[in-house]
Amino acid sequence: RTPRRSPTPRAPMGLTDNRCANRVLTGVALGGTVGGAVGACYGTYEAFSAGIPGMLKVRHVGRTTVGSAALFGLFLGAGSLLQCGRR
């Protein structure tokens, strides 16, 4: 006869829940992707319209791309976390 296993303790619902963590990470990834694409388009437009010289355009486009991706990913991840807490 095999011994009975005791039930494993469950963590409270929140970020430790695997579904919730996956939802937040998906929100961050999706926000980063969309924010990066928008930031690249806007940074390119702004670099050419402002007349930024030479290779500084690449730096400007990269900075706006990364900044936009980080900001939009942060907000979409936070929104996903708030939605996850409601359930």
Protein backbone atom coordinates (compact mmCIF):
# COMPACT_ATOMS: atom_id res chain seq x y z
CA ARG A 1 0.00 0.00 0.00
CA THR A 2 1.36 3.41 -0.96
CA PRO A 3 1.34 6.26 1.54
CA ARG A 4 -1.00 9.17 0.93
CA ARG A 5 0.47 12.46 -0.17
CA SER A 6 -0.41 15.55 1.75
CA PRO A 7 -1.89 18.31 -0.38
CA THR A 8 0.58 20.98 -1.45
CA PRO A 9 -0.07 24.42 0.00
CA ARG A 10 -1.38 26.91 -2.51
CA ALA A 11 -0.22 30.49 -2.75
CA PRO A 12 -2.85 33.23 -2.76
CA MET A 13 -4.01 34.53 -6.11
CA GLY A 14 -1.70 37.20 -7.40
CA LEU A 15 1.56 37.38 -9.31
CA THR A 16 2.55 33.93 -8.01
CA ASP A 17 -0.30 32.45 -10.01
CA ASN A 18 1.16 31.09 -13.22
CA ARG A 19 -1.69 32.35 -15.38
CA CYS A 20 -1.38 35.83 -13.95
CA ALA A 21 2.40 35.93 -14.41
CA ASN A 22 2.03 34.73 -17.98
CA ARG A 23 -0.58 37.38 -18.67
CA VAL A 24 1.62 40.16 -17.25
CA LEU A 25 4.68 38.98 -19.16
CA THR A 26 2.65 38.76 -22.36
CA GLY A 27 1.43 42.31 -21.77
CA VAL A 28 4.97 43.57 -21.25
CA ALA A 29 6.22 41.79 -24.38
CA LEU A 30 3.33 42.99 -26.51
CA GLY A 31 3.68 46.53 -25.19
CA GLY A 32 7.40 46.51 -25.85
CA THR A 33 6.88 45.32 -29.40
CA VAL A 34 4.18 47.84 -30.26
CA GLY A 35 5.98 50.64 -28.42
CA GLY A 36 9.23 49.84 -30.22
CA ALA A 37 7.56 49.93 -33.62
CA VAL A 38 5.82 53.22 -32.89
CA GLY A 39 9.00 54.67 -31.37
CA ALA A 40 11.04 53.70 -34.43
CA CYS A 41 8.55 55.35 -36.78
CA TYR A 42 8.26 58.48 -34.68
CA GLY A 43 12.00 58.70 -34.02
CA THR A 44 12.78 58.41 -37.73
CA TYR A 45 10.25 61.10 -38.59
CA GLU A 46 11.51 63.38 -35.84
CA ALA A 47 15.18 62.86 -36.75
CA PHE A 48 14.64 63.81 -40.38
CA SER A 49 12.26 66.68 -39.71
CA ALA A 50 14.53 68.21 -37.04
CA GLY A 51 17.54 67.96 -39.33
CA ILE A 52 19.73 65.92 -36.98
CA PRO A 53 23.08 65.45 -38.75
CA GLY A 54 24.70 62.16 -39.85
CA MET A 55 25.03 59.24 -37.49
CA LEU A 56 23.30 61.12 -34.70
CA LYS A 57 20.07 60.15 -36.47
CA VAL A 58 20.73 56.50 -35.65
CA ARG A 59 21.34 57.36 -32.02
CA HIS A 60 18.17 59.44 -31.87
CA VAL A 61 16.03 56.73 -33.51
CA GLY A 62 17.47 54.09 -31.17
CA ARG A 63 16.86 56.20 -28.10
CA THR A 64 13.25 56.95 -29.01
CA THR A 65 12.65 53.30 -29.92
CA VAL A 66 13.97 51.95 -26.62
CA GLY A 67 12.27 54.66 -24.57
CA SER A 68 8.91 54.15 -26.23
CA ALA A 69 9.16 50.36 -25.95
CA ALA A 70 10.05 50.52 -22.25
CA LEU A 71 7.31 52.99 -21.40
CA PHE A 72 4.56 51.27 -23.36
CA GLY A 73 5.64 47.84 -22.09
CA LEU A 74 5.57 49.13 -18.51
CA PHE A 75 2.05 50.52 -18.85
CA LEU A 76 0.65 47.50 -20.66
CA GLY A 77 2.22 45.19 -18.08
CA ALA A 78 0.80 47.27 -15.24
CA GLY A 79 -2.63 47.22 -16.87
CA SER A 80 -2.43 43.46 -17.22
CA LEU A 81 -1.45 43.15 -13.57
CA LEU A 82 -4.41 45.28 -12.49
CA GLN A 83 -6.78 43.19 -14.61
CA CYS A 84 -5.29 40.03 -13.14
CA GLY A 85 -5.94 41.25 -9.60
CA ARG A 86 -9.65 41.68 -10.27
CA ARG A 87 -10.25 38.00 -10.92
